[in-house]
Protein backbone atom coordinates (compact mmCIF):
# COMPACT_ATOMS: atom_id res chain seq x y z
CA UNK A 1 -39.03 -27.15 55.66
CA UNK A 2 -37.46 -25.68 52.47
CA UNK A 3 -34.49 -27.50 51.02
CA UNK A 4 -32.08 -25.98 48.50
CA UNK A 5 -31.83 -27.83 45.24
CA UNK A 6 -28.29 -28.97 44.37
CA UNK A 7 -27.82 -26.46 41.56
CA UNK A 8 -28.86 -23.60 43.88
CA UNK A 9 -26.59 -24.65 46.72
CA UNK A 10 -24.15 -21.71 47.25
CA UNK A 11 -21.32 -24.11 48.00
CA UNK A 12 -22.04 -26.07 44.81
CA UNK A 13 -22.19 -22.86 42.75
CA UNK A 14 -18.83 -21.72 44.16
CA UNK A 15 -17.25 -25.06 43.27
CA UNK A 16 -18.63 -24.92 39.73
CA UNK A 17 -17.43 -21.33 39.31
CA UNK A 18 -13.99 -22.23 40.65
CA UNK A 19 -13.78 -25.19 38.26
CA UNK A 20 -14.80 -22.98 35.32
CA UNK A 21 -12.17 -20.39 36.22
CA UNK A 22 -9.50 -23.07 36.53
CA UNK A 23 -10.46 -24.49 33.13
CA UNK A 24 -10.43 -21.02 31.60
CA UNK A 25 -7.02 -20.35 33.13
CA UNK A 26 -5.67 -23.63 31.77
CA UNK A 27 -7.06 -22.78 28.33
CA UNK A 28 -5.43 -19.35 28.35
CA UNK A 29 -2.16 -20.82 29.61
CA UNK A 30 -2.24 -23.47 26.87
CA UNK A 31 -2.93 -20.82 24.21
CA UNK A 32 -0.07 -18.66 25.50
CA UNK A 33 2.23 -21.67 25.59
CA UNK A 34 1.32 -22.67 22.02
CA UNK A 35 1.74 -19.08 20.84
CA UNK A 36 5.10 -18.89 22.57
CA UNK A 37 6.24 -22.11 20.90
CA UNK A 38 5.00 -20.78 17.56
CA UNK A 39 6.90 -17.54 18.13
CA UNK A 40 10.14 -19.37 18.95
CA UNK A 41 9.82 -21.58 15.86
CA UNK A 42 8.97 -18.57 13.65
CA UNK A 43 11.96 -16.60 14.91
CA UNK A 44 14.25 -19.60 14.45
CA UNK A 45 13.09 -20.44 10.93
CA UNK A 46 11.65 -17.26 9.43
CA UNK A 47 13.16 -14.23 11.17
CA UNK A 48 15.38 -13.34 8.20
CA UNK A 49 12.63 -13.88 5.63
CA UNK A 50 9.60 -12.58 7.55
CA UNK A 51 8.81 -8.88 7.78
CA UNK A 52 6.83 -7.10 10.46
CA UNK A 53 5.03 -4.73 8.11
CA UNK A 54 1.51 -4.16 9.51
CA UNK A 55 -0.63 -2.28 7.01
CA UNK A 56 -2.86 -0.26 9.37
CA UNK A 57 -5.59 0.24 6.79
CA UNK A 58 -9.06 1.57 7.45
CA UNK A 59 -11.79 2.79 5.13
CA UNK A 60 -12.96 6.18 3.90
CA UNK A 61 -15.67 7.48 1.62
CA UNK A 62 -14.47 9.70 -1.20
CA UNK A 63 -17.57 10.90 -2.98
CA UNK A 64 -19.43 7.74 -3.99
CA UNK A 65 -16.32 5.59 -3.62
CA UNK A 66 -15.52 3.47 -0.58
CA UNK A 67 -11.75 2.91 -0.51
CA UNK A 68 -8.80 2.15 1.77
CA UNK A 69 -6.62 4.65 3.54
CA UNK A 70 -4.03 4.57 6.31
CA UNK A 71 -5.41 4.79 9.82
CA UNK A 72 -5.41 8.50 10.76
CA UNK A 73 -3.32 9.94 13.58
CA UNK A 74 -1.35 6.75 14.06
CA UNK A 75 2.30 6.03 14.78
CA UNK A 76 3.66 2.57 14.05
CA UNK A 77 6.84 0.72 13.16
CA UNK A 78 7.95 -1.64 10.40
CA UNK A 79 10.82 -4.06 11.04
CA UNK A 80 12.83 -6.47 8.90
CA UNK A 81 16.41 -7.73 8.91
CA UNK A 82 17.34 -4.49 7.13
CA UNK A 83 16.16 -2.22 9.95
CA UNK A 84 13.17 -0.47 11.51
CA UNK A 85 11.16 2.43 10.12
CA UNK A 86 8.75 4.76 11.85
CA UNK A 87 5.47 5.80 10.22
CA UNK A 88 3.35 8.74 11.36
CA UNK A 89 0.01 9.59 9.76
CA UNK A 90 -2.02 12.78 9.95
CA UNK A 91 -5.78 13.14 10.40
CA UNK A 92 -6.31 12.59 6.65
CA UNK A 93 -4.48 9.27 6.70
CA UNK A 94 -1.44 10.57 4.76
CA UNK A 95 2.11 9.75 5.80
CA UNK A 96 2.78 13.14 7.31
CA UNK A 97 3.27 14.71 10.71
CA UNK A 98 0.93 17.61 10.00
CA UNK A 99 -2.51 18.10 8.49
CA UNK A 100 -3.37 19.83 5.24
CA UNK A 101 -6.31 22.10 4.57
CA UNK A 102 -8.21 21.78 1.31
CA UNK A 103 -7.45 25.41 0.53
CA UNK A 104 -3.89 25.81 -0.69
CA UNK A 105 -1.80 28.45 1.14
CA UNK A 106 -1.59 31.67 -0.82
CA UNK A 107 1.50 31.94 -2.98
CA UNK A 108 2.34 28.25 -2.68
CA UNK A 109 2.66 25.35 -5.08
CA UNK A 110 1.17 22.01 -4.09
CA UNK A 111 1.55 18.50 -5.43
CA UNK A 112 -0.02 15.13 -4.67
CA UNK A 113 1.91 11.88 -4.98
CA UNK A 114 -0.22 8.83 -5.81
CA UNK A 115 1.04 5.27 -5.55
CA UNK A 116 1.37 2.05 -3.59
CA UNK A 117 3.81 0.93 -0.89
CA UNK A 118 6.78 2.31 -2.85
CA UNK A 119 5.23 5.78 -2.75
CA UNK A 120 4.09 5.38 0.86
CA UNK A 121 7.71 4.59 1.60
CA UNK A 122 7.94 1.04 2.89
CA UNK A 123 11.48 0.37 4.15
CA UNK A 124 12.26 4.09 4.00
CA UNK A 125 12.39 6.78 6.66
CA UNK A 126 9.53 9.27 6.62
CA UNK A 127 11.60 12.23 5.45
CA UNK A 128 13.41 10.27 2.72
CA UNK A 129 10.54 9.34 0.38
CA UNK A 130 10.51 10.76 -3.13
CA UNK A 131 7.61 12.99 -2.02
CA UNK A 132 9.83 14.51 0.66
CA UNK A 133 12.73 14.80 -1.79
CA UNK A 134 10.53 16.69 -4.26
CA UNK A 135 9.32 19.06 -1.58
CA UNK A 136 12.82 19.73 -0.30
CA UNK A 137 14.20 20.40 -3.79
CA UNK A 138 11.37 22.76 -4.71
CA UNK A 139 11.76 24.64 -1.44
CA UNK A 140 15.50 24.92 -2.01
CA UNK A 141 14.68 26.46 -5.40
CA UNK A 142 12.81 29.22 -3.56
CA UNK A 143 9.26 27.94 -3.90
CA UNK A 144 6.75 27.66 -1.11
CA UNK A 145 6.01 24.02 -1.87
CA UNK A 146 3.92 21.27 -0.32
CA UNK A 147 4.06 17.71 -1.64
CA UNK A 148 1.47 15.37 -0.14
CA UNK A 149 2.36 11.70 0.16
CA UNK A 150 -0.95 9.86 -0.32
CA UNK A 151 0.58 6.47 -1.14
CA UNK A 152 -1.26 3.40 0.20
CA UNK A 153 0.26 -0.07 0.21
CA UNK A 154 -1.56 -2.31 -2.25
CA UNK A 155 -3.22 0.59 -4.08
CA UNK A 156 -3.88 0.23 -7.79
CA UNK A 157 -3.96 2.87 -10.53
CA UNK A 158 -7.76 2.60 -10.45
CA UNK A 159 -7.94 3.41 -6.74
CA UNK A 160 -5.44 6.24 -7.15
CA UNK A 161 -7.53 7.68 -9.98
CA UNK A 162 -10.72 7.60 -7.92
CA UNK A 163 -8.95 9.16 -4.95
CA UNK A 164 -7.67 11.95 -7.20
CA UNK A 165 -11.02 12.65 -8.83
CA UNK A 166 -13.07 12.54 -5.63
CA UNK A 167 -10.70 13.72 -2.89
CA UNK A 168 -7.26 14.73 -4.13
CA UNK A 169 -8.63 17.48 -6.38
CA UNK A 170 -10.04 19.22 -3.29
CA UNK A 171 -6.48 20.01 -2.20
CA UNK A 172 -6.04 22.24 -5.28
CA UNK A 173 -2.90 20.51 -6.61
CA UNK A 174 -0.73 22.21 -9.22
CA UNK A 175 0.84 18.88 -10.09
CA UNK A 176 0.15 15.20 -9.57
CA UNK A 177 2.82 12.49 -9.43
CA UNK A 178 1.78 8.96 -10.34
CA UNK A 179 4.26 6.41 -9.00
CA UNK A 180 3.68 3.37 -11.21
CA UNK A 181 4.91 -0.12 -10.35
CA UNK A 182 4.58 -3.31 -12.40
CA UNK A 183 2.15 -5.07 -10.06
CA UNK A 184 -0.34 -2.22 -10.58
CA UNK A 185 -1.39 -3.92 -13.81
CA UNK A 186 -2.80 -6.95 -12.02
CA UNK A 187 -3.99 -4.86 -9.07
CA UNK A 188 -6.21 -2.89 -11.47
CA UNK A 189 -7.99 -6.16 -12.28
CA UNK A 190 -8.13 -7.33 -8.67
CA UNK A 191 -9.70 -4.16 -7.31
CA UNK A 192 -12.67 -4.52 -9.68
CA UNK A 193 -13.48 -0.80 -9.86
CA UNK A 194 -13.36 -0.69 -13.66
CA UNK A 195 -13.86 -2.99 -16.61
CA UNK A 196 -13.49 -2.77 -20.37
CA UNK A 197 -16.34 -2.99 -22.82
CA UNK A 198 -15.44 -2.75 -26.50
CA UNK A 199 -12.14 -1.23 -25.42
CA UNK A 200 -13.79 1.53 -23.40
CA UNK A 201 -13.38 2.09 -19.67
CA UNK A 202 -16.55 1.54 -17.64
CA UNK A 203 -17.22 1.75 -13.90
CA UNK A 204 -17.82 -1.71 -12.43
CA UNK A 205 -17.87 -1.09 -8.66
CA UNK A 206 -17.56 1.76 -6.20
CA UNK A 207 -16.02 -0.16 -3.34
CA UNK A 208 -12.70 -1.85 -2.70
CA UNK A 209 -11.72 -2.33 0.93
CA UNK A 210 -9.87 -5.69 1.07
CA UNK A 211 -8.99 -6.72 4.60
CA UNK A 212 -10.32 -3.50 6.09
CA UNK A 213 -13.29 -4.87 8.03
CA UNK A 214 -11.15 -7.36 9.92
CA UNK A 215 -8.50 -4.69 10.57
CA UNK A 216 -11.14 -2.28 11.89
CA UNK A 217 -12.11 -5.01 14.36
CA UNK A 218 -8.75 -6.37 15.45
CA UNK A 219 -7.08 -2.97 15.91
CA UNK A 220 -9.58 -2.16 18.62
CA UNK A 221 -7.63 -4.72 20.66
CA UNK A 222 -4.40 -3.05 21.93
CA UNK A 223 -2.47 -6.34 22.05
CA UNK A 224 -2.99 -6.87 18.31
CA UNK A 225 -1.11 -3.67 17.43
CA UNK A 226 1.80 -4.80 19.59
CA UNK A 227 1.82 -8.28 17.99
CA UNK A 228 1.71 -6.81 14.48
CA UNK A 229 4.89 -4.85 15.18
CA UNK A 230 6.73 -7.42 17.32
CA UNK A 231 5.52 -11.00 16.74
CA UNK A 232 6.94 -13.04 13.85
CA UNK A 233 4.44 -15.85 14.46
CA UNK A 234 1.52 -13.43 14.19
CA UNK A 235 3.05 -11.90 11.06
CA UNK A 236 3.42 -15.32 9.38
CA UNK A 237 -0.21 -16.19 10.14
CA UNK A 238 -1.62 -12.81 9.15
CA UNK A 239 0.34 -12.56 5.91
CA UNK A 240 -0.57 -16.11 4.89
CA UNK A 241 -4.26 -15.34 5.44
CA UNK A 242 -4.00 -11.97 3.68
CA UNK A 243 -2.29 -13.43 0.63
CA UNK A 244 -4.76 -16.33 0.41
CA UNK A 245 -7.74 -14.02 0.17
CA UNK A 246 -5.86 -11.67 -2.15
CA UNK A 247 -5.20 -14.53 -4.58
CA UNK A 248 -8.77 -15.79 -4.20
CA UNK A 249 -10.16 -12.39 -5.18
CA UNK A 250 -7.91 -12.24 -8.24
CA UNK A 251 -9.04 -15.71 -9.34
CA UNK A 252 -12.65 -14.62 -8.92
CA UNK A 253 -11.98 -11.62 -11.15
CA UNK A 254 -10.45 -13.90 -13.79
CA UNK A 255 -13.38 -16.28 -13.55
CA UNK A 256 -15.82 -13.43 -14.04
CA UNK A 257 -14.02 -12.63 -17.28
CA UNK A 258 -14.13 -16.25 -18.43
CA UNK A 259 -10.43 -16.84 -17.75
CA UNK A 260 -10.74 -19.66 -15.21
CA UNK A 261 -7.68 -21.42 -16.60
CA UNK A 262 -5.40 -18.45 -16.13
CA UNK A 263 -2.71 -18.84 -13.50
CA UNK A 264 -2.17 -15.63 -11.56
CA UNK A 265 0.83 -16.92 -9.65
CA UNK A 266 1.54 -16.19 -6.02
CA UNK A 267 -0.01 -12.92 -4.88
CA UNK A 268 2.41 -12.19 -2.06
CA UNK A 269 2.53 -8.46 -1.53
CA UNK A 270 6.19 -8.08 -2.36
CA UNK A 271 7.66 -5.12 -4.17
CA UNK A 272 8.58 -7.56 -6.91
CA UNK A 273 6.00 -8.17 -9.61
CA UNK A 274 4.94 -11.83 -9.64
CA UNK A 275 4.87 -11.91 -13.43
CA UNK A 276 6.30 -10.04 -16.39
CA UNK A 277 3.60 -11.29 -18.74
CA UNK A 278 0.23 -9.58 -18.91
CA UNK A 279 -2.80 -10.19 -21.05
CA UNK A 280 -3.82 -7.64 -23.66
CA UNK A 281 -6.93 -6.84 -21.62
CA UNK A 282 -4.94 -6.24 -18.43
CA UNK A 283 -2.58 -3.91 -20.25
CA UNK A 284 -5.39 -2.07 -22.05
CA UNK A 285 -7.30 -1.56 -18.80
CA UNK A 286 -4.26 0.10 -17.23
CA UNK A 287 -3.69 2.19 -20.37
CA UNK A 288 -7.25 3.51 -20.25
CA UNK A 289 -6.88 4.39 -16.56
CA UNK A 290 -3.70 6.38 -17.21
CA UNK A 291 -5.33 8.14 -20.17
CA UNK A 292 -8.31 9.08 -18.01
CA UNK A 293 -6.02 10.44 -15.31
CA UNK A 294 -4.23 12.61 -17.86
CA UNK A 295 -7.52 13.89 -19.29
CA UNK A 296 -8.68 14.78 -15.78
CA UNK A 297 -5.44 16.61 -15.01
CA UNK A 298 -5.52 18.58 -18.25
CA UNK A 299 -9.13 19.65 -17.69
CA UNK A 300 -8.13 20.94 -14.26
CA UNK A 301 -4.86 22.55 -15.42
CA UNK A 302 -2.76 20.12 -13.40
CA UNK A 303 0.68 18.93 -14.50
CA UNK A 304 0.87 15.13 -14.51
CA UNK A 305 4.22 13.50 -13.79
CA UNK A 306 4.58 9.73 -14.13
CA UNK A 307 7.44 8.05 -12.29
CA UNK A 308 8.44 4.61 -13.55
CA UNK A 309 9.24 2.85 -10.26
CA UNK A 310 12.09 0.46 -11.16
CA UNK A 311 11.94 -3.28 -10.61
CA UNK A 312 14.89 -5.52 -9.89
CA UNK A 313 14.86 -8.68 -12.02
CA UNK A 314 17.79 -11.12 -11.74
CA UNK A 315 19.80 -8.38 -10.02
CA UNK A 316 19.21 -6.03 -12.96
CA UNK A 317 17.21 -2.83 -13.13
CA UNK A 318 14.03 -3.03 -15.19
CA UNK A 319 11.20 -0.68 -16.12
CA UNK A 320 7.77 -1.35 -14.63
CA UNK A 321 6.11 -0.66 -17.98
CA UNK A 322 5.69 -3.30 -20.69
CA UNK A 323 6.68 -1.73 -24.01
CA UNK A 324 3.19 -1.04 -25.37
CA UNK A 325 1.98 0.41 -22.08
CA UNK A 326 5.10 2.52 -21.74
CA UNK A 327 4.33 4.23 -25.05
CA UNK A 328 0.84 5.07 -23.79
CA UNK A 329 2.22 6.39 -20.49
CA UNK A 330 4.80 8.61 -22.19
CA UNK A 331 2.06 10.19 -24.31
CA UNK A 332 -0.37 10.48 -21.40
CA UNK A 333 1.57 12.77 -19.11
CA UNK A 334 3.47 16.04 -19.12
CA UNK A 335 6.64 14.57 -17.62
CA UNK A 336 7.80 10.94 -17.71
CA UNK A 337 10.62 9.92 -15.36
CA UNK A 338 12.50 7.05 -16.99
CA UNK A 339 14.02 5.20 -14.04
CA UNK A 340 16.23 2.97 -16.20
CA UNK A 341 17.90 5.95 -17.86
CA UNK A 342 18.09 7.85 -14.58
CA UNK A 343 19.66 5.06 -12.51
CA UNK A 344 21.58 2.89 -14.96
CA UNK A 345 24.94 4.47 -14.07
CA UNK A 346 24.41 3.46 -10.43
CA UNK A 347 23.55 -0.17 -11.17
CA UNK A 348 25.95 -2.44 -9.31
CA UNK A 349 27.40 0.53 -7.44
CA UNK A 350 24.61 1.92 -5.27
CA UNK A 351 21.87 0.09 -3.40
CA UNK A 352 18.84 0.81 -5.58
CA UNK A 353 16.49 -1.55 -3.72
CA UNK A 354 16.50 -2.62 -0.09
CA UNK A 355 18.41 -5.95 -0.17
CA UNK A 356 16.06 -8.12 1.90
CA UNK A 357 12.57 -7.61 3.32
CA UNK A 358 10.15 -6.80 0.51
CA UNK A 359 12.82 -5.19 -1.69
CA UNK A 360 11.22 -1.79 -2.06
CA UNK A 361 13.18 1.01 -3.67
CA UNK A 362 15.88 2.39 -1.37
CA UNK A 363 16.28 5.87 0.06
CA UNK A 364 18.93 6.49 -2.60
CA UNK A 365 16.44 5.66 -5.35
CA UNK A 366 13.73 7.76 -3.69
CA UNK A 367 16.12 10.71 -3.59
CA UNK A 368 17.05 10.42 -7.26
CA UNK A 369 13.45 9.99 -8.41
CA UNK A 370 12.23 12.90 -6.30
CA UNK A 371 14.96 15.28 -7.44
CA UNK A 372 14.51 14.27 -11.09
CA UNK A 373 10.76 14.87 -10.86
CA UNK A 374 11.26 18.26 -9.18
CA UNK A 375 13.82 19.37 -11.77
CA UNK A 376 11.55 18.31 -14.61
CA UNK A 377 8.64 20.16 -13.03
CA UNK A 378 10.66 23.38 -12.79
CA UNK A 379 11.72 23.07 -16.42
CA UNK A 380 8.16 22.31 -17.49
């Protein structure tokens, strides 16, 4: 007579399965409870200082370069104590509600705006970026104008240059706007795309996709997108992890240059530069990148406009360019928008930067920069 072994007994299997399901349920319940407690604590302690600014980056190949871009055909929200802002991207990963063909419409003028989160328009409505202001002003002047906002949060001058040379040029731009912010100087080191050798700019790498692989994975999970836009606890954890690896990469870049003792300071991705002091090599690297961008634009008969995105230091307006680098920038473009001169009369009167959050430039500042750039372009 056959006898069932204990582990094959159907009743025993059902009991084991039931026990496993109960344990799994308890584990999930515990995790939810802990997350809920973490969320309550985060909202109580950090709601005013924490921002829900998910980056929504993915990767793209531009020629031989593997870089970041915004996730195409995506709509998402940013929230801080100052408000909420809607972002819509097109199929190219630009902040736009419609796509652009490589071929420029006949009889039109087209520009490309390069930059980081200021250019992308963090803490600004989609139609109030300086890219949108430029387009509106040029259209009001009777031109059939398109101004593409290709800004990517965290982008460096090096990444912007490679995007322009390998992808942006395909859109047949008549003008290029480089929105330069002070933290670009260190970001050019961190990205590792270029290095200096005897003062000359040399390619060092063809890839920079920080944080992209993990984002490509986690954004396949619908709940993660919701948490990124609604959970303060998730935001605190994600930003702490992001900033840790961002600082680690910068230290590795310094170590590779024999500067292990250098102190990079906190690498929180705020719209406030973490330092006002840069090494000669950092400054020279950025200078060479700007010079190369200008050479590329001239060879392709493109007008280069550089916008000095203003900082706020001790409640005062300040240029993003150190003096020596500013001189290089002014010589390496067709139009230089001096934000200090442009906005000084509004200091203490108008809100030039968003007061809390990450303190990006305000819609008022975007409007003034965009109109100034458009006017200068028409005069040029």
